[in-house]
Each structure stands twice: as C-alpha cells, then as structure tokens.
C-alpha cells in the first residue's frame, strides 16, 4: 500500500479527516483499520490495537474489516 510505504503522515491525516466527516459505519471501519495499520507500520502498537478494536466494534463493519482487525490485535501488521 503506497500510503504505508511512502507518506504515512499524510495517510494518517487523510484517514482522520474521513472520520471527522462522520461517515457511515462501513467507511468508518475501513478508515480505522487503515489508521491501525499505519500506526503498526510506525511502531505505535498500542495506538494500533486501539484502532483495530474500534474498527471491529462498529456494528456496520464488514466481515473483512472485522477479520483483519482481529488479526491485527493478535499480531502486528507487516508491510
């Protein structure tokens, strides 16, 4: 993913901006998942786990997000 490899700061800022726009739960869950992966890629494991848990807790989160988030809680995301 280009955001993880090239400019994680911009990616973080943009995903947070999405969250500020109060999107539906599906979009919110994807944004939280990618924020978690960005945090993991930057060595911020505690923050990553918080984002993973938040993503999987949303009622409208797709199963793919829930599964990826549960995997992320169990093991740090690898690029």
PDB file of N, CA and C in Angstrom:
ATOM      1  N   UNK A   1       0.843  -1.173   0.000  1.00  0.00           N
ATOM      2  CA  UNK A   1       0.000   0.000   0.000  1.00  0.00           C
ATOM      3  C   UNK A   1       0.888   1.236   0.000  1.00  0.00           C
ATOM      4  N   UNK A   2       0.696   2.085  -0.928  1.00  0.00           N
ATOM      5  CA  UNK A   2       1.540   3.270  -1.106  1.00  0.00           C
ATOM      6  C   UNK A   2       1.549   4.165   0.120  1.00  0.00           C
ATOM      7  N   UNK A   3       0.426   4.299   0.783  1.00  0.00           N
ATOM      8  CA  UNK A   3       0.367   5.168   1.967  1.00  0.00           C
ATOM      9  C   UNK A   3       1.311   4.669   3.051  1.00  0.00           C
ATOM     10  N   UNK A   4       1.368   3.356   3.230  1.00  0.00           N
ATOM     11  CA  UNK A   4       2.224   2.790   4.271  1.00  0.00           C
ATOM     12  C   UNK A   4       3.705   2.952   3.929  1.00  0.00           C
ATOM     13  N   UNK A   5       4.033   2.894   2.668  1.00  0.00           N
ATOM     14  CA  UNK A   5       5.426   2.909   2.261  1.00  0.00           C
ATOM     15  C   UNK A   5       5.982   4.300   1.982  1.00  0.00           C
ATOM     16  N   UNK A   6       5.152   5.221   1.509  1.00  0.00           N
ATOM     17  CA  UNK A   6       5.679   6.486   1.013  1.00  0.00           C
ATOM     18  C   UNK A   6       5.439   7.686   1.912  1.00  0.00           C
ATOM     19  N   UNK A   7       4.235   7.805   2.460  1.00  0.00           N
ATOM     20  CA  UNK A   7       3.912   9.006   3.222  1.00  0.00           C
ATOM     21  C   UNK A   7       2.883   8.687   4.305  1.00  0.00           C
ATOM     22  N   UNK A   8       3.302   7.996   5.345  1.00  0.00           N
ATOM     23  CA  UNK A   8       2.351   7.602   6.379  1.00  0.00           C
ATOM     24  C   UNK A   8       1.710   8.786   7.100  1.00  0.00           C
ATOM     25  N   UNK A   9       2.429   9.899   7.219  1.00  0.00           N
ATOM     26  CA  UNK A   9       1.866  11.064   7.904  1.00  0.00           C
ATOM     27  C   UNK A   9       0.659  11.624   7.146  1.00  0.00           C
ATOM     28  N   UNK A  10       0.786  11.720   5.832  1.00  0.00           N
ATOM     29  CA  UNK A  10      -0.327  12.214   5.028  1.00  0.00           C
ATOM     30  C   UNK A  10      -1.488  11.230   5.075  1.00  0.00           C
ATOM     31  N   UNK A  11      -1.186   9.955   4.986  1.00  0.00           N
ATOM     32  CA  UNK A  11      -2.236   8.940   5.077  1.00  0.00           C
ATOM     33  C   UNK A  11      -2.991   9.038   6.389  1.00  0.00           C
ATOM     34  N   UNK A  12      -2.252   9.171   7.474  1.00  0.00           N
ATOM     35  CA  UNK A  12      -2.868   9.304   8.791  1.00  0.00           C
ATOM     36  C   UNK A  12      -3.798  10.518   8.817  1.00  0.00           C
ATOM     37  N   UNK A  13      -3.306  11.639   8.337  1.00  0.00           N
ATOM     38  CA  UNK A  13      -4.095  12.876   8.333  1.00  0.00           C
ATOM     39  C   UNK A  13      -5.370  12.720   7.511  1.00  0.00           C
ATOM     40  N   UNK A  14      -5.252  12.093   6.345  1.00  0.00           N
ATOM     41  CA  UNK A  14      -6.416  11.936   5.469  1.00  0.00           C
ATOM     42  C   UNK A  14      -7.456  10.974   6.046  1.00  0.00           C
ATOM     43  N   UNK A  15      -7.012   9.863   6.636  1.00  0.00           N
ATOM     44  CA  UNK A  15      -7.965   8.930   7.240  1.00  0.00           C
ATOM     45  C   UNK A  15      -8.662   9.569   8.439  1.00  0.00           C
ATOM     46  N   UNK A  16      -7.940  10.384   9.203  1.00  0.00           N
ATOM     47  CA  UNK A  16      -8.574  11.096  10.323  1.00  0.00           C
ATOM     48  C   UNK A  16      -9.598  12.114   9.811  1.00  0.00           C
ATOM     49  N   UNK A  17      -9.290  12.720   8.693  1.00  0.00           N
ATOM     50  CA  UNK A  17     -10.231  13.678   8.084  1.00  0.00           C
ATOM     51  C   UNK A  17     -11.519  12.965   7.673  1.00  0.00           C
ATOM     52  N   UNK A  18     -11.379  11.756   7.153  1.00  0.00           N
ATOM     53  CA  UNK A  18     -12.562  10.957   6.811  1.00  0.00           C
ATOM     54  C   UNK A  18     -13.411  10.743   8.063  1.00  0.00           C
ATOM     55  N   UNK A  19     -12.767  10.392   9.170  1.00  0.00           N
ATOM     56  CA  UNK A  19     -13.511  10.159  10.403  1.00  0.00           C
ATOM     57  C   UNK A  19     -14.220  11.409  10.891  1.00  0.00           C
ATOM     58  N   UNK A  20     -13.598  12.560  10.696  1.00  0.00           N
ATOM     59  CA  UNK A  20     -14.209  13.825  11.107  1.00  0.00           C
ATOM     60  C   UNK A  20     -15.475  14.130  10.309  1.00  0.00           C
ATOM     61  N   UNK A  21     -15.585  13.576   9.117  1.00  0.00           N
ATOM     62  CA  UNK A  21     -16.754  13.836   8.272  1.00  0.00           C
ATOM     63  C   UNK A  21     -17.962  12.994   8.679  1.00  0.00           C
ATOM     64  N   UNK A  22     -17.815  12.213   9.749  1.00  0.00           N
ATOM     65  CA  UNK A  22     -18.893  11.371  10.279  1.00  0.00           C
ATOM     66  C   UNK A  22     -19.479  10.439   9.214  1.00  0.00           C
ATOM     67  N   UNK A  23     -18.626   9.576   8.650  1.00  0.00           N
ATOM     68  CA  UNK A  23     -19.099   8.660   7.605  1.00  0.00           C
ATOM     69  C   UNK A  23     -19.950   7.532   8.185  1.00  0.00           C
ATOM     70  N   UNK A  24     -20.544   6.743   7.284  1.00  0.00           N
ATOM     71  CA  UNK A  24     -21.283   5.556   7.720  1.00  0.00           C
ATOM     72  C   UNK A  24     -20.305   4.578   8.375  1.00  0.00           C
ATOM     73  N   UNK A  25     -20.858   3.600   9.091  1.00  0.00           N
ATOM     74  CA  UNK A  25     -20.020   2.661   9.847  1.00  0.00           C
ATOM     75  C   UNK A  25     -19.050   1.869   8.966  1.00  0.00           C
ATOM     76  N   UNK A  26     -19.469   1.526   7.763  1.00  0.00           N
ATOM     77  CA  UNK A  26     -18.567   0.767   6.886  1.00  0.00           C
ATOM     78  C   UNK A  26     -17.335   1.601   6.538  1.00  0.00           C
ATOM     79  N   UNK A  27     -17.539   2.831   6.123  1.00  0.00           N
ATOM     80  CA  UNK A  27     -16.419   3.707   5.782  1.00  0.00           C
ATOM     81  C   UNK A  27     -15.573   4.001   7.020  1.00  0.00           C
ATOM     82  N   UNK A  28     -16.233   4.229   8.139  1.00  0.00           N
ATOM     83  CA  UNK A  28     -15.522   4.483   9.399  1.00  0.00           C
ATOM     84  C   UNK A  28     -14.642   3.278   9.764  1.00  0.00           C
ATOM     85  N   UNK A  29     -15.176   2.078   9.608  1.00  0.00           N
ATOM     86  CA  UNK A  29     -14.409   0.881   9.984  1.00  0.00           C
ATOM     87  C   UNK A  29     -13.170   0.712   9.107  1.00  0.00           C
ATOM     88  N   UNK A  30     -13.318   0.982   7.790  1.00  0.00           N
ATOM     89  CA  UNK A  30     -12.152   0.892   6.899  1.00  0.00           C
ATOM     90  C   UNK A  30     -11.104   1.936   7.273  1.00  0.00           C
ATOM     91  N   UNK A  31     -11.545   3.142   7.585  1.00  0.00           N
ATOM     92  CA  UNK A  31     -10.598   4.199   7.967  1.00  0.00           C
ATOM     93  C   UNK A  31      -9.865   3.837   9.243  1.00  0.00           C
ATOM     94  N   UNK A  32     -10.586   3.301  10.218  1.00  0.00           N
ATOM     95  CA  UNK A  32      -9.950   2.887  11.472  1.00  0.00           C
ATOM     96  C   UNK A  32      -8.959   1.746  11.238  1.00  0.00           C
ATOM     97  N   UNK A  33      -9.329   0.813  10.368  1.00  0.00           N
ATOM     98  CA  UNK A  33      -8.429  -0.297  10.054  1.00  0.00           C
ATOM     99  C   UNK A  33      -7.123   0.226   9.445  1.00  0.00           C
ATOM    100  N   UNK A  34      -7.236   1.151   8.505  1.00  0.00           N
ATOM    101  CA  UNK A  34      -6.022   1.678   7.878  1.00  0.00           C
ATOM    102  C   UNK A  34      -5.223   2.556   8.838  1.00  0.00           C
ATOM    103  N   UNK A  35      -5.898   3.268   9.736  1.00  0.00           N
ATOM    104  CA  UNK A  35      -5.163   4.010  10.768  1.00  0.00           C
ATOM    105  C   UNK A  35      -4.404   3.040  11.671  1.00  0.00           C
ATOM    106  N   UNK A  36      -5.021   1.910  11.967  1.00  0.00           N
ATOM    107  CA  UNK A  36      -4.350   0.887  12.782  1.00  0.00           C
ATOM    108  C   UNK A  36      -3.106   0.361  12.070  1.00  0.00           C
ATOM    109  N   UNK A  37      -3.240   0.074  10.798  1.00  0.00           N
ATOM    110  CA  UNK A  37      -2.097  -0.444  10.037  1.00  0.00           C
ATOM    111  C   UNK A  37      -0.984   0.603   9.931  1.00  0.00           C
ATOM    112  N   UNK A  38      -1.376   1.854   9.746  1.00  0.00           N
ATOM    113  CA  UNK A  38      -0.374   2.923   9.716  1.00  0.00           C
ATOM    114  C   UNK A  38       0.351   3.017  11.053  1.00  0.00           C
ATOM    115  N   UNK A  39      -0.396   2.964  12.143  1.00  0.00           N
ATOM    116  CA  UNK A  39       0.221   3.024  13.470  1.00  0.00           C
ATOM    117  C   UNK A  39       1.176   1.839  13.660  1.00  0.00           C
ATOM    118  N   UNK A  40       0.738   0.640  13.267  1.00  0.00           N
ATOM    119  CA  UNK A  40       1.611  -0.535  13.356  1.00  0.00           C
ATOM    120  C   UNK A  40       2.881  -0.338  12.541  1.00  0.00           C
ATOM    121  N   UNK A  41       2.745   0.196  11.346  1.00  0.00           N
ATOM    122  CA  UNK A  41       3.911   0.364  10.472  1.00  0.00           C
ATOM    123  C   UNK A  41       4.900   1.373  11.035  1.00  0.00           C
ATOM    124  N   UNK A  42       4.424   2.245  11.923  1.00  0.00           N
ATOM    125  CA  UNK A  42       5.287   3.261  12.543  1.00  0.00           C
ATOM    126  C   UNK A  42       5.738   2.849  13.942  1.00  0.00           C
ATOM    127  N   UNK A  43       5.454   1.606  14.332  1.00  0.00           N
ATOM    128  CA  UNK A  43       5.885   1.106  15.636  1.00  0.00           C
ATOM    129  C   UNK A  43       5.038   1.582  16.802  1.00  0.00           C
ATOM    130  N   UNK A  44       3.846   2.054  16.523  1.00  0.00           N
ATOM    131  CA  UNK A  44       2.943   2.547  17.567  1.00  0.00           C
ATOM    132  C   UNK A  44       1.887   1.478  17.861  1.00  0.00           C
ATOM    133  N   UNK A  45       2.343   0.396  18.454  1.00  0.00           N
ATOM    134  CA  UNK A  45       1.496  -0.790  18.644  1.00  0.00           C
ATOM    135  C   UNK A  45       0.265  -0.514  19.505  1.00  0.00           C
ATOM    136  N   UNK A  46       0.417   0.208  20.612  1.00  0.00           N
ATOM    137  CA  UNK A  46      -0.728   0.463  21.491  1.00  0.00           C
ATOM    138  C   UNK A  46      -1.825   1.229  20.755  1.00  0.00           C
ATOM    139  N   UNK A  47      -1.437   2.249  20.008  1.00  0.00           N
ATOM    140  CA  UNK A  47      -2.400   3.020  19.233  1.00  0.00           C
ATOM    141  C   UNK A  47      -3.037   2.143  18.170  1.00  0.00           C
ATOM    142  N   UNK A  48      -2.246   1.289  17.536  1.00  0.00           N
ATOM    143  CA  UNK A  48      -2.770   0.386  16.509  1.00  0.00           C
ATOM    144  C   UNK A  48      -3.850  -0.518  17.085  1.00  0.00           C
ATOM    145  N   UNK A  49      -3.590  -1.093  18.239  1.00  0.00           N
ATOM    146  CA  UNK A  49      -4.561  -2.004  18.858  1.00  0.00           C
ATOM    147  C   UNK A  49      -5.863  -1.265  19.174  1.00  0.00           C
ATOM    148  N   UNK A  50      -5.763  -0.033  19.632  1.00  0.00           N
ATOM    149  CA  UNK A  50      -6.973   0.762  19.896  1.00  0.00           C
ATOM    150  C   UNK A  50      -7.786   0.940  18.618  1.00  0.00           C
ATOM    151  N   UNK A  51      -7.118   1.270  17.523  1.00  0.00           N
ATOM    152  CA  UNK A  51      -7.817   1.440  16.248  1.00  0.00           C
ATOM    153  C   UNK A  51      -8.420   0.121  15.761  1.00  0.00           C
ATOM    154  N   UNK A  52      -7.669  -0.983  15.881  1.00  0.00           N
ATOM    155  CA  UNK A  52      -8.197  -2.284  15.465  1.00  0.00           C
ATOM    156  C   UNK A  52      -9.470  -2.614  16.243  1.00  0.00           C
ATOM    157  N   UNK A  53      -9.438  -2.406  17.546  1.00  0.00           N
ATOM    158  CA  UNK A  53     -10.598  -2.710  18.381  1.00  0.00           C
ATOM    159  C   UNK A  53     -11.780  -1.821  18.021  1.00  0.00           C
ATOM    160  N   UNK A  54     -11.518  -0.553  17.771  1.00  0.00           N
ATOM    161  CA  UNK A  54     -12.595   0.364  17.392  1.00  0.00           C
ATOM    162  C   UNK A  54     -13.215  -0.047  16.061  1.00  0.00           C
ATOM    163  N   UNK A  55     -12.383  -0.459  15.115  1.00  0.00           N
ATOM    164  CA  UNK A  55     -12.889  -0.878  13.800  1.00  0.00           C
ATOM    165  C   UNK A  55     -13.780  -2.100  13.925  1.00  0.00           C
ATOM    166  N   UNK A  56     -13.368  -3.066  14.709  1.00  0.00           N
ATOM    167  CA  UNK A  56     -14.149  -4.301  14.812  1.00  0.00           C
ATOM    168  C   UNK A  56     -15.399  -4.129  15.665  1.00  0.00           C
ATOM    169  N   UNK A  57     -15.474  -3.079  16.471  1.00  0.00           N
ATOM    170  CA  UNK A  57     -16.622  -2.860  17.352  1.00  0.00           C
ATOM    171  C   UNK A  57     -17.800  -2.197  16.644  1.00  0.00           C
ATOM    172  N   UNK A  58     -17.575  -1.620  15.484  1.00  0.00           N
ATOM    173  CA  UNK A  58     -18.658  -0.931  14.775  1.00  0.00           C
ATOM    174  C   UNK A  58     -19.669  -1.928  14.224  1.00  0.00           C
ATOM    175  N   UNK A  59     -20.938  -1.671  14.465  1.00  0.00           N
ATOM    176  CA  UNK A  59     -21.991  -2.590  14.016  1.00  0.00           C
ATOM    177  C   UNK A  59     -22.021  -2.760  12.506  1.00  0.00           C
ATOM    178  N   UNK A  60     -21.746  -1.697  11.761  1.00  0.00           N
ATOM    179  CA  UNK A  60     -21.807  -1.763  10.307  1.00  0.00           C
ATOM    180  C   UNK A  60     -20.509  -2.165   9.631  1.00  0.00           C
ATOM    181  N   UNK A  61     -19.538  -2.620  10.413  1.00  0.00           N
ATOM    182  CA  UNK A  61     -18.252  -3.024   9.829  1.00  0.00           C
ATOM    183  C   UNK A  61     -18.417  -4.319   9.034  1.00  0.00           C
ATOM    184  N   UNK A  62     -17.876  -4.362   7.819  1.00  0.00           N
ATOM    185  CA  UNK A  62     -17.933  -5.600   7.032  1.00  0.00           C
ATOM    186  C   UNK A  62     -17.112  -6.710   7.700  1.00  0.00           C
ATOM    187  N   UNK A  63     -17.451  -7.947   7.392  1.00  0.00           N
ATOM    188  CA  UNK A  63     -16.717  -9.080   7.962  1.00  0.00           C
ATOM    189  C   UNK A  63     -15.232  -9.013   7.637  1.00  0.00           C
ATOM    190  N   UNK A  64     -14.885  -8.531   6.448  1.00  0.00           N
ATOM    191  CA  UNK A  64     -13.469  -8.456   6.077  1.00  0.00           C
ATOM    192  C   UNK A  64     -12.715  -7.497   7.002  1.00  0.00           C
ATOM    193  N   UNK A  65     -13.359  -6.402   7.395  1.00  0.00           N
ATOM    194  CA  UNK A  65     -12.723  -5.466   8.325  1.00  0.00           C
ATOM    195  C   UNK A  65     -12.604  -6.116   9.695  1.00  0.00           C
ATOM    196  N   UNK A  66     -13.669  -6.766  10.159  1.00  0.00           N
ATOM    197  CA  UNK A  66     -13.627  -7.425  11.476  1.00  0.00           C
ATOM    198  C   UNK A  66     -12.517  -8.471  11.536  1.00  0.00           C
ATOM    199  N   UNK A  67     -12.412  -9.276  10.500  1.00  0.00           N
ATOM    200  CA  UNK A  67     -11.386 -10.318  10.472  1.00  0.00           C
ATOM    201  C   UNK A  67      -9.988  -9.711  10.464  1.00  0.00           C
ATOM    202  N   UNK A  68      -9.778  -8.688   9.643  1.00  0.00           N
ATOM    203  CA  UNK A  68      -8.468  -8.039   9.575  1.00  0.00           C
ATOM    204  C   UNK A  68      -8.138  -7.361  10.897  1.00  0.00           C
ATOM    205  N   UNK A  69      -9.135  -6.756  11.531  1.00  0.00           N
ATOM    206  CA  UNK A  69      -8.908  -6.083  12.807  1.00  0.00           C
ATOM    207  C   UNK A  69      -8.567  -7.094  13.903  1.00  0.00           C
ATOM    208  N   UNK A  70      -9.272  -8.214  13.932  1.00  0.00           N
ATOM    209  CA  UNK A  70      -8.978  -9.248  14.930  1.00  0.00           C
ATOM    210  C   UNK A  70      -7.577  -9.802  14.722  1.00  0.00           C
ATOM    211  N   UNK A  71      -7.207  -9.992  13.470  1.00  0.00           N
ATOM    212  CA  UNK A  71      -5.848 -10.452  13.158  1.00  0.00           C
ATOM    213  C   UNK A  71      -4.831  -9.410  13.607  1.00  0.00           C
ATOM    214  N   UNK A  72      -5.146  -8.123  13.403  1.00  0.00           N
ATOM    215  CA  UNK A  72      -4.256  -7.047  13.807  1.00  0.00           C
ATOM    216  C   UNK A  72      -4.071  -6.952  15.300  1.00  0.00           C
ATOM    217  N   UNK A  73      -5.112  -7.244  16.064  1.00  0.00           N
ATOM    218  CA  UNK A  73      -4.988  -7.244  17.516  1.00  0.00           C
ATOM    219  C   UNK A  73      -4.044  -8.386  17.947  1.00  0.00           C
ATOM    220  N   UNK A  74      -4.174  -9.511  17.298  1.00  0.00           N
ATOM    221  CA  UNK A  74      -3.363 -10.686  17.658  1.00  0.00           C
ATOM    222  C   UNK A  74      -1.902 -10.539  17.229  1.00  0.00           C
ATOM    223  N   UNK A  75      -1.674  -9.866  16.098  1.00  0.00           N
ATOM    224  CA  UNK A  75      -0.318  -9.780  15.563  1.00  0.00           C
ATOM    225  C   UNK A  75      -0.165  -8.475  14.783  1.00  0.00           C
ATOM    226  N   UNK A  76       0.953  -7.803  14.982  1.00  0.00           N
ATOM    227  CA  UNK A  76       1.209  -6.523  14.313  1.00  0.00           C
ATOM    228  C   UNK A  76       1.169  -6.695  12.795  1.00  0.00           C
ATOM    229  N   UNK A  77       0.659  -5.676  12.129  1.00  0.00           N
ATOM    230  CA  UNK A  77       0.583  -5.659  10.671  1.00  0.00           C
ATOM    231  C   UNK A  77       1.978  -5.565  10.083  1.00  0.00           C
ATOM    232  N   UNK A  78       2.235  -6.377   9.083  1.00  0.00           N
ATOM    233  CA  UNK A  78       3.521  -6.360   8.377  1.00  0.00           C
ATOM    234  C   UNK A  78       3.302  -5.762   6.995  1.00  0.00           C
ATOM    235  N   UNK A  79       4.211  -4.909   6.575  1.00  0.00           N
ATOM    236  CA  UNK A  79       4.125  -4.312   5.236  1.00  0.00           C
ATOM    237  C   UNK A  79       4.281  -5.364   4.174  1.00  0.00           C
TER     238      UNK A  79
END
